[in-house]
Amino acid sequence: MHPACPSCALDLRQEPGYYVGSMYVNYLATASVGVTAALLLMERVPGPALFAGLMAWALLFPLFFFRFARALWLGLDLWIRTRTSA
């Protein structure tokens, strides 16, 4: 990760524990898509196959989405800072 944003110079090296919120974003995305897929596929896919697919989703998607979750958390923080620092 770069130390600062090349466009707006936002310092990306935050204090320890700052990125804990990005874990919540990652969990929310993983759980939302997983539960939606389970509800939509429950009648069409056999139980063991659905369970295996959802477990694979729950293990692999967070690894892929990790950087995007951090970026979303930074974007949310920047949006809040620009709204409250007037």
PDB file of N, CA and C in Angstrom:
ATOM      1  N   MET A   1       0.850  -1.175   0.000  1.00  0.00           N
ATOM      2  CA  MET A   1       0.000   0.000   0.000  1.00  0.00           C
ATOM      3  C   MET A   1       0.893   1.235   0.000  1.00  0.00           C
ATOM      4  N   HIS A   2       0.522   2.210  -0.784  1.00  0.00           N
ATOM      5  CA  HIS A   2       1.287   3.454  -0.844  1.00  0.00           C
ATOM      6  C   HIS A   2       1.146   4.211   0.479  1.00  0.00           C
ATOM      7  N   PRO A   3       2.180   4.994   0.849  1.00  0.00           N
ATOM      8  CA  PRO A   3       2.071   5.765   2.101  1.00  0.00           C
ATOM      9  C   PRO A   3       1.051   6.900   2.022  1.00  0.00           C
ATOM     10  N   ALA A   4       0.791   7.404   0.823  1.00  0.00           N
ATOM     11  CA  ALA A   4      -0.178   8.493   0.650  1.00  0.00           C
ATOM     12  C   ALA A   4      -0.864   8.357  -0.701  1.00  0.00           C
ATOM     13  N   CYS A   5      -2.063   8.906  -0.791  1.00  0.00           N
ATOM     14  CA  CYS A   5      -2.813   8.887  -2.048  1.00  0.00           C
ATOM     15  C   CYS A   5      -2.131   9.811  -3.052  1.00  0.00           C
ATOM     16  N   PRO A   6      -1.868   9.347  -4.274  1.00  0.00           N
ATOM     17  CA  PRO A   6      -1.225  10.212  -5.265  1.00  0.00           C
ATOM     18  C   PRO A   6      -2.132  11.354  -5.744  1.00  0.00           C
ATOM     19  N   SER A   7      -3.444  11.211  -5.600  1.00  0.00           N
ATOM     20  CA  SER A   7      -4.359  12.253  -6.058  1.00  0.00           C
ATOM     21  C   SER A   7      -4.624  13.325  -5.018  1.00  0.00           C
ATOM     22  N   CYS A   8      -4.968  12.908  -3.794  1.00  0.00           N
ATOM     23  CA  CYS A   8      -5.408  13.883  -2.792  1.00  0.00           C
ATOM     24  C   CYS A   8      -4.444  14.006  -1.609  1.00  0.00           C
ATOM     25  N   ALA A   9      -3.368  13.214  -1.601  1.00  0.00           N
ATOM     26  CA  ALA A   9      -2.341  13.240  -0.557  1.00  0.00           C
ATOM     27  C   ALA A   9      -2.870  12.802   0.810  1.00  0.00           C
ATOM     28  N   LEU A  10      -3.960  12.022   0.841  1.00  0.00           N
ATOM     29  CA  LEU A  10      -4.465  11.479   2.097  1.00  0.00           C
ATOM     30  C   LEU A  10      -3.441  10.494   2.647  1.00  0.00           C
ATOM     31  N   ASP A  11      -3.074  10.672   3.902  1.00  0.00           N
ATOM     32  CA  ASP A  11      -2.109   9.787   4.540  1.00  0.00           C
ATOM     33  C   ASP A  11      -2.765   8.435   4.773  1.00  0.00           C
ATOM     34  N   LEU A  12      -2.229   7.399   4.143  1.00  0.00           N
ATOM     35  CA  LEU A  12      -2.803   6.066   4.251  1.00  0.00           C
ATOM     36  C   LEU A  12      -2.189   5.270   5.391  1.00  0.00           C
ATOM     37  N   ARG A  13      -1.183   5.813   6.049  1.00  0.00           N
ATOM     38  CA  ARG A  13      -0.572   5.148   7.202  1.00  0.00           C
ATOM     39  C   ARG A  13      -1.272   5.656   8.450  1.00  0.00           C
ATOM     40  N   GLN A  14      -2.357   5.028   8.783  1.00  0.00           N
ATOM     41  CA  GLN A  14      -3.175   5.441   9.919  1.00  0.00           C
ATOM     42  C   GLN A  14      -2.667   4.791  11.201  1.00  0.00           C
ATOM     43  N   GLU A  15      -3.262   5.186  12.324  1.00  0.00           N
ATOM     44  CA  GLU A  15      -2.864   4.635  13.619  1.00  0.00           C
ATOM     45  C   GLU A  15      -3.210   3.143  13.705  1.00  0.00           C
ATOM     46  N   PRO A  16      -2.542   2.426  14.622  1.00  0.00           N
ATOM     47  CA  PRO A  16      -2.842   1.000  14.778  1.00  0.00           C
ATOM     48  C   PRO A  16      -4.315   0.785  15.131  1.00  0.00           C
ATOM     49  N   GLY A  17      -4.918  -0.187  14.498  1.00  0.00           N
ATOM     50  CA  GLY A  17      -6.325  -0.488  14.740  1.00  0.00           C
ATOM     51  C   GLY A  17      -7.285   0.269  13.841  1.00  0.00           C
ATOM     52  N   TYR A  18      -6.774   1.185  13.024  1.00  0.00           N
ATOM     53  CA  TYR A  18      -7.647   1.989  12.165  1.00  0.00           C
ATOM     54  C   TYR A  18      -8.401   1.112  11.169  1.00  0.00           C
ATOM     55  N   TYR A  19      -7.739   0.121  10.615  1.00  0.00           N
ATOM     56  CA  TYR A  19      -8.336  -0.680   9.554  1.00  0.00           C
ATOM     57  C   TYR A  19      -9.227  -1.807  10.066  1.00  0.00           C
ATOM     58  N   VAL A  20      -9.509  -1.839  11.362  1.00  0.00           N
ATOM     59  CA  VAL A  20     -10.439  -2.835  11.897  1.00  0.00           C
ATOM     60  C   VAL A  20     -11.813  -2.650  11.250  1.00  0.00           C
ATOM     61  N   GLY A  21     -12.187  -1.428  10.977  1.00  0.00           N
ATOM     62  CA  GLY A  21     -13.469  -1.156  10.323  1.00  0.00           C
ATOM     63  C   GLY A  21     -13.571  -1.792   8.954  1.00  0.00           C
ATOM     64  N   SER A  22     -12.443  -1.932   8.262  1.00  0.00           N
ATOM     65  CA  SER A  22     -12.489  -2.563   6.944  1.00  0.00           C
ATOM     66  C   SER A  22     -12.838  -4.041   7.060  1.00  0.00           C
ATOM     67  N   MET A  23     -12.545  -4.652   8.203  1.00  0.00           N
ATOM     68  CA  MET A  23     -12.959  -6.045   8.407  1.00  0.00           C
ATOM     69  C   MET A  23     -14.476  -6.140   8.475  1.00  0.00           C
ATOM     70  N   TYR A  24     -15.111  -5.134   9.067  1.00  0.00           N
ATOM     71  CA  TYR A  24     -16.573  -5.115   9.113  1.00  0.00           C
ATOM     72  C   TYR A  24     -17.153  -4.955   7.710  1.00  0.00           C
ATOM     73  N   VAL A  25     -16.527  -4.120   6.894  1.00  0.00           N
ATOM     74  CA  VAL A  25     -16.983  -3.938   5.515  1.00  0.00           C
ATOM     75  C   VAL A  25     -16.844  -5.258   4.758  1.00  0.00           C
ATOM     76  N   ASN A  26     -15.713  -5.927   4.931  1.00  0.00           N
ATOM     77  CA  ASN A  26     -15.465  -7.198   4.261  1.00  0.00           C
ATOM     78  C   ASN A  26     -16.472  -8.255   4.712  1.00  0.00           C
ATOM     79  N   TYR A  27     -16.717  -8.325   6.008  1.00  0.00           N
ATOM     80  CA  TYR A  27     -17.687  -9.293   6.533  1.00  0.00           C
ATOM     81  C   TYR A  27     -19.092  -8.997   6.017  1.00  0.00           C
ATOM     82  N   LEU A  28     -19.471  -7.728   6.008  1.00  0.00           N
ATOM     83  CA  LEU A  28     -20.796  -7.349   5.535  1.00  0.00           C
ATOM     84  C   LEU A  28     -20.997  -7.755   4.077  1.00  0.00           C
ATOM     85  N   ALA A  29     -19.999  -7.511   3.242  1.00  0.00           N
ATOM     86  CA  ALA A  29     -20.109  -7.880   1.830  1.00  0.00           C
ATOM     87  C   ALA A  29     -20.186  -9.392   1.666  1.00  0.00           C
ATOM     88  N   THR A  30     -19.335 -10.120   2.377  1.00  0.00           N
ATOM     89  CA  THR A  30     -19.320 -11.579   2.268  1.00  0.00           C
ATOM     90  C   THR A  30     -20.634 -12.178   2.750  1.00  0.00           C
ATOM     91  N   ALA A  31     -21.103 -11.736   3.903  1.00  0.00           N
ATOM     92  CA  ALA A  31     -22.336 -12.283   4.468  1.00  0.00           C
ATOM     93  C   ALA A  31     -23.546 -11.911   3.630  1.00  0.00           C
ATOM     94  N   SER A  32     -23.596 -10.681   3.144  1.00  0.00           N
ATOM     95  CA  SER A  32     -24.752 -10.240   2.346  1.00  0.00           C
ATOM     96  C   SER A  32     -24.903 -11.068   1.076  1.00  0.00           C
ATOM     97  N   VAL A  33     -23.814 -11.224   0.357  1.00  0.00           N
ATOM     98  CA  VAL A  33     -23.884 -11.990  -0.887  1.00  0.00           C
ATOM     99  C   VAL A  33     -24.128 -13.471  -0.590  1.00  0.00           C
ATOM    100  N   GLY A  34     -23.506 -13.998   0.466  1.00  0.00           N
ATOM    101  CA  GLY A  34     -23.689 -15.402   0.813  1.00  0.00           C
ATOM    102  C   GLY A  34     -25.116 -15.722   1.211  1.00  0.00           C
ATOM    103  N   VAL A  35     -25.713 -14.890   2.046  1.00  0.00           N
ATOM    104  CA  VAL A  35     -27.091 -15.132   2.480  1.00  0.00           C
ATOM    105  C   VAL A  35     -28.055 -14.965   1.310  1.00  0.00           C
ATOM    106  N   THR A  36     -27.832 -13.951   0.488  1.00  0.00           N
ATOM    107  CA  THR A  36     -28.684 -13.755  -0.690  1.00  0.00           C
ATOM    108  C   THR A  36     -28.598 -14.957  -1.625  1.00  0.00           C
ATOM    109  N   ALA A  37     -27.381 -15.435  -1.882  1.00  0.00           N
ATOM    110  CA  ALA A  37     -27.209 -16.601  -2.754  1.00  0.00           C
ATOM    111  C   ALA A  37     -27.878 -17.833  -2.146  1.00  0.00           C
ATOM    112  N   ALA A  38     -27.744 -18.009  -0.839  1.00  0.00           N
ATOM    113  CA  ALA A  38     -28.361 -19.165  -0.176  1.00  0.00           C
ATOM    114  C   ALA A  38     -29.880 -19.122  -0.313  1.00  0.00           C
ATOM    115  N   LEU A  39     -30.455 -17.959  -0.104  1.00  0.00           N
ATOM    116  CA  LEU A  39     -31.911 -17.841  -0.202  1.00  0.00           C
ATOM    117  C   LEU A  39     -32.406 -18.064  -1.625  1.00  0.00           C
ATOM    118  N   LEU A  40     -31.656 -17.579  -2.596  1.00  0.00           N
ATOM    119  CA  LEU A  40     -32.072 -17.741  -3.993  1.00  0.00           C
ATOM    120  C   LEU A  40     -31.865 -19.159  -4.509  1.00  0.00           C
ATOM    121  N   LEU A  41     -30.838 -19.851  -4.003  1.00  0.00           N
ATOM    122  CA  LEU A  41     -30.497 -21.170  -4.530  1.00  0.00           C
ATOM    123  C   LEU A  41     -31.002 -22.330  -3.675  1.00  0.00           C
ATOM    124  N   MET A  42     -31.632 -22.048  -2.561  1.00  0.00           N
ATOM    125  CA  MET A  42     -32.045 -23.087  -1.619  1.00  0.00           C
ATOM    126  C   MET A  42     -32.948 -24.137  -2.273  1.00  0.00           C
ATOM    127  N   GLU A  43     -33.835 -23.737  -3.126  1.00  0.00           N
ATOM    128  CA  GLU A  43     -34.788 -24.669  -3.744  1.00  0.00           C
ATOM    129  C   GLU A  43     -34.205 -25.373  -4.969  1.00  0.00           C
ATOM    130  N   ARG A  44     -33.161 -24.825  -5.561  1.00  0.00           N
ATOM    131  CA  ARG A  44     -32.661 -25.352  -6.837  1.00  0.00           C
ATOM    132  C   ARG A  44     -31.433 -26.239  -6.705  1.00  0.00           C
ATOM    133  N   VAL A  45     -30.657 -26.064  -5.623  1.00  0.00           N
ATOM    134  CA  VAL A  45     -29.393 -26.788  -5.478  1.00  0.00           C
ATOM    135  C   VAL A  45     -29.500 -27.720  -4.274  1.00  0.00           C
ATOM    136  N   PRO A  46     -29.005 -28.947  -4.391  1.00  0.00           N
ATOM    137  CA  PRO A  46     -29.039 -29.873  -3.243  1.00  0.00           C
ATOM    138  C   PRO A  46     -28.255 -29.303  -2.052  1.00  0.00           C
ATOM    139  N   GLY A  47     -28.700 -29.639  -0.854  1.00  0.00           N
ATOM    140  CA  GLY A  47     -28.123 -29.092   0.369  1.00  0.00           C
ATOM    141  C   GLY A  47     -26.613 -29.205   0.500  1.00  0.00           C
ATOM    142  N   PRO A  48     -26.024 -30.407   0.325  1.00  0.00           N
ATOM    143  CA  PRO A  48     -24.565 -30.519   0.482  1.00  0.00           C
ATOM    144  C   PRO A  48     -23.784 -29.685  -0.532  1.00  0.00           C
ATOM    145  N   ALA A  49     -24.264 -29.629  -1.755  1.00  0.00           N
ATOM    146  CA  ALA A  49     -23.578 -28.833  -2.776  1.00  0.00           C
ATOM    147  C   ALA A  49     -23.685 -27.346  -2.459  1.00  0.00           C
ATOM    148  N   LEU A  50     -24.845 -26.915  -2.003  1.00  0.00           N
ATOM    149  CA  LEU A  50     -25.034 -25.517  -1.625  1.00  0.00           C
ATOM    150  C   LEU A  50     -24.136 -25.162  -0.448  1.00  0.00           C
ATOM    151  N   PHE A  51     -24.077 -26.048   0.545  1.00  0.00           N
ATOM    152  CA  PHE A  51     -23.239 -25.819   1.711  1.00  0.00           C
ATOM    153  C   PHE A  51     -21.764 -25.723   1.315  1.00  0.00           C
ATOM    154  N   ALA A  52     -21.307 -26.623   0.448  1.00  0.00           N
ATOM    155  CA  ALA A  52     -19.911 -26.603  -0.001  1.00  0.00           C
ATOM    156  C   ALA A  52     -19.605 -25.321  -0.775  1.00  0.00           C
ATOM    157  N   GLY A  53     -20.516 -24.912  -1.632  1.00  0.00           N
ATOM    158  CA  GLY A  53     -20.309 -23.680  -2.390  1.00  0.00           C
ATOM    159  C   GLY A  53     -20.269 -22.451  -1.504  1.00  0.00           C
ATOM    160  N   LEU A  54     -21.166 -22.413  -0.526  1.00  0.00           N
ATOM    161  CA  LEU A  54     -21.180 -21.265   0.390  1.00  0.00           C
ATOM    162  C   LEU A  54     -19.949 -21.235   1.283  1.00  0.00           C
ATOM    163  N   MET A  55     -19.459 -22.399   1.675  1.00  0.00           N
ATOM    164  CA  MET A  55     -18.237 -22.435   2.480  1.00  0.00           C
ATOM    165  C   MET A  55     -17.038 -21.967   1.654  1.00  0.00           C
ATOM    166  N   ALA A  56     -16.981 -22.380   0.406  1.00  0.00           N
ATOM    167  CA  ALA A  56     -15.901 -21.913  -0.468  1.00  0.00           C
ATOM    168  C   ALA A  56     -15.993 -20.395  -0.645  1.00  0.00           C
ATOM    169  N   TRP A  57     -17.208 -19.897  -0.820  1.00  0.00           N
ATOM    170  CA  TRP A  57     -17.417 -18.455  -0.940  1.00  0.00           C
ATOM    171  C   TRP A  57     -16.929 -17.728   0.319  1.00  0.00           C
ATOM    172  N   ALA A  58     -17.313 -18.241   1.481  1.00  0.00           N
ATOM    173  CA  ALA A  58     -16.975 -17.589   2.744  1.00  0.00           C
ATOM    174  C   ALA A  58     -15.473 -17.619   3.019  1.00  0.00           C
ATOM    175  N   LEU A  59     -14.769 -18.566   2.452  1.00  0.00           N
ATOM    176  CA  LEU A  59     -13.321 -18.644   2.664  1.00  0.00           C
ATOM    177  C   LEU A  59     -12.521 -17.871   1.623  1.00  0.00           C
ATOM    178  N   LEU A  60     -12.985 -17.873   0.387  1.00  0.00           N
ATOM    179  CA  LEU A  60     -12.193 -17.274  -0.691  1.00  0.00           C
ATOM    180  C   LEU A  60     -12.521 -15.811  -0.975  1.00  0.00           C
ATOM    181  N   PHE A  61     -13.778 -15.445  -0.919  1.00  0.00           N
ATOM    182  CA  PHE A  61     -14.148 -14.063  -1.255  1.00  0.00           C
ATOM    183  C   PHE A  61     -13.488 -13.026  -0.352  1.00  0.00           C
ATOM    184  N   PRO A  62     -13.428 -13.215   0.975  1.00  0.00           N
ATOM    185  CA  PRO A  62     -12.777 -12.202   1.808  1.00  0.00           C
ATOM    186  C   PRO A  62     -11.308 -11.969   1.451  1.00  0.00           C
ATOM    187  N   LEU A  63     -10.633 -13.008   0.991  1.00  0.00           N
ATOM    188  CA  LEU A  63      -9.238 -12.845   0.570  1.00  0.00           C
ATOM    189  C   LEU A  63      -9.137 -11.953  -0.665  1.00  0.00           C
ATOM    190  N   PHE A  64     -10.050 -12.143  -1.590  1.00  0.00           N
ATOM    191  CA  PHE A  64     -10.074 -11.315  -2.796  1.00  0.00           C
ATOM    192  C   PHE A  64     -10.515  -9.887  -2.487  1.00  0.00           C
ATOM    193  N   PHE A  65     -11.482  -9.733  -1.618  1.00  0.00           N
ATOM    194  CA  PHE A  65     -12.127  -8.436  -1.362  1.00  0.00           C
ATOM    195  C   PHE A  65     -11.381  -7.582  -0.339  1.00  0.00           C
ATOM    196  N   PHE A  66     -10.326  -8.114   0.272  1.00  0.00           N
ATOM    197  CA  PHE A  66      -9.605  -7.429   1.345  1.00  0.00           C
ATOM    198  C   PHE A  66      -9.175  -6.013   0.970  1.00  0.00           C
ATOM    199  N   ARG A  67      -8.515  -5.860  -0.156  1.00  0.00           N
ATOM    200  CA  ARG A  67      -8.027  -4.525  -0.567  1.00  0.00           C
ATOM    201  C   ARG A  67      -9.170  -3.580  -0.892  1.00  0.00           C
ATOM    202  N   PHE A  68     -10.223  -4.102  -1.484  1.00  0.00           N
ATOM    203  CA  PHE A  68     -11.370  -3.254  -1.784  1.00  0.00           C
ATOM    204  C   PHE A  68     -12.064  -2.784  -0.507  1.00  0.00           C
ATOM    205  N   ALA A  69     -12.109  -3.652   0.494  1.00  0.00           N
ATOM    206  CA  ALA A  69     -12.714  -3.279   1.776  1.00  0.00           C
ATOM    207  C   ALA A  69     -11.901  -2.170   2.445  1.00  0.00           C
ATOM    208  N   ARG A  70     -10.581  -2.251   2.369  1.00  0.00           N
ATOM    209  CA  ARG A  70      -9.741  -1.192   2.932  1.00  0.00           C
ATOM    210  C   ARG A  70      -9.971   0.126   2.192  1.00  0.00           C
ATOM    211  N   ALA A  71     -10.075   0.047   0.872  1.00  0.00           N
ATOM    212  CA  ALA A  71     -10.322   1.255   0.086  1.00  0.00           C
ATOM    213  C   ALA A  71     -11.696   1.844   0.409  1.00  0.00           C
ATOM    214  N   LEU A  72     -12.696   0.998   0.571  1.00  0.00           N
ATOM    215  CA  LEU A  72     -14.027   1.499   0.932  1.00  0.00           C
ATOM    216  C   LEU A  72     -14.013   2.140   2.316  1.00  0.00           C
ATOM    217  N   TRP A  73     -13.282   1.549   3.256  1.00  0.00           N
ATOM    218  CA  TRP A  73     -13.184   2.117   4.599  1.00  0.00           C
ATOM    219  C   TRP A  73     -12.482   3.475   4.555  1.00  0.00           C
ATOM    220  N   LEU A  74     -11.411   3.588   3.792  1.00  0.00           N
ATOM    221  CA  LEU A  74     -10.728   4.878   3.639  1.00  0.00           C
ATOM    222  C   LEU A  74     -11.631   5.912   2.984  1.00  0.00           C
ATOM    223  N   GLY A  75     -12.365   5.491   1.966  1.00  0.00           N
ATOM    224  CA  GLY A  75     -13.284   6.406   1.306  1.00  0.00           C
ATOM    225  C   GLY A  75     -14.382   6.894   2.235  1.00  0.00           C
ATOM    226  N   LEU A  76     -14.920   5.997   3.051  1.00  0.00           N
ATOM    227  CA  LEU A  76     -15.936   6.386   4.017  1.00  0.00           C
ATOM    228  C   LEU A  76     -15.362   7.366   5.040  1.00  0.00           C
ATOM    229  N   ASP A  77     -14.161   7.093   5.506  1.00  0.00           N
ATOM    230  CA  ASP A  77     -13.513   7.990   6.462  1.00  0.00           C
ATOM    231  C   ASP A  77     -13.263   9.367   5.840  1.00  0.00           C
ATOM    232  N   LEU A  78     -12.775   9.391   4.618  1.00  0.00           N
ATOM    233  CA  LEU A  78     -12.541  10.670   3.933  1.00  0.00           C
ATOM    234  C   LEU A  78     -13.854  11.423   3.743  1.00  0.00           C
ATOM    235  N   TRP A  79     -14.912  10.720   3.371  1.00  0.00           N
ATOM    236  CA  TRP A  79     -16.211  11.360   3.178  1.00  0.00           C
ATOM    237  C   TRP A  79     -16.710  11.966   4.487  1.00  0.00           C
ATOM    238  N   ILE A  80     -16.573  11.225   5.579  1.00  0.00           N
ATOM    239  CA  ILE A  80     -17.015  11.729   6.879  1.00  0.00           C
ATOM    240  C   ILE A  80     -16.164  12.926   7.309  1.00  0.00           C
ATOM    241  N   ARG A  81     -14.844  12.847   7.098  1.00  0.00           N
ATOM    242  CA  ARG A  81     -13.962  13.962   7.483  1.00  0.00           C
ATOM    243  C   ARG A  81     -14.282  15.233   6.713  1.00  0.00           C
ATOM    244  N   THR A  82     -14.607  15.107   5.431  1.00  0.00           N
ATOM    245  CA  THR A  82     -14.907  16.313   4.665  1.00  0.00           C
ATOM    246  C   THR A  82     -16.254  16.910   5.052  1.00  0.00           C
ATOM    247  N   ARG A  83     -17.159  16.090   5.564  1.00  0.00           N
ATOM    248  CA  ARG A  83     -18.471  16.588   5.988  1.00  0.00           C
ATOM    249  C   ARG A  83     -18.425  17.241   7.367  1.00  0.00           C
ATOM    250  N   THR A  84     -17.529  16.765   8.239  1.00  0.00           N
ATOM    251  CA  THR A  84     -17.514  17.263   9.630  1.00  0.00           C
ATOM    252  C   THR A  84     -16.449  18.306   9.895  1.00  0.00           C
ATOM    253  N   SER A  85     -15.516  18.520   8.994  1.00  0.00           N
ATOM    254  CA  SER A  85     -14.427  19.469   9.259  1.00  0.00           C
ATOM    255  C   SER A  85     -14.682  20.847   8.633  1.00  0.00           C
ATOM    256  N   ALA A  86     -15.916  21.230   8.490  1.00  0.00           N
ATOM    257  CA  ALA A  86     -16.222  22.512   7.849  1.00  0.00           C
ATOM    258  C   ALA A  86     -16.164  23.662   8.800  1.00  0.00           C
TER     259      ALA A  86
END
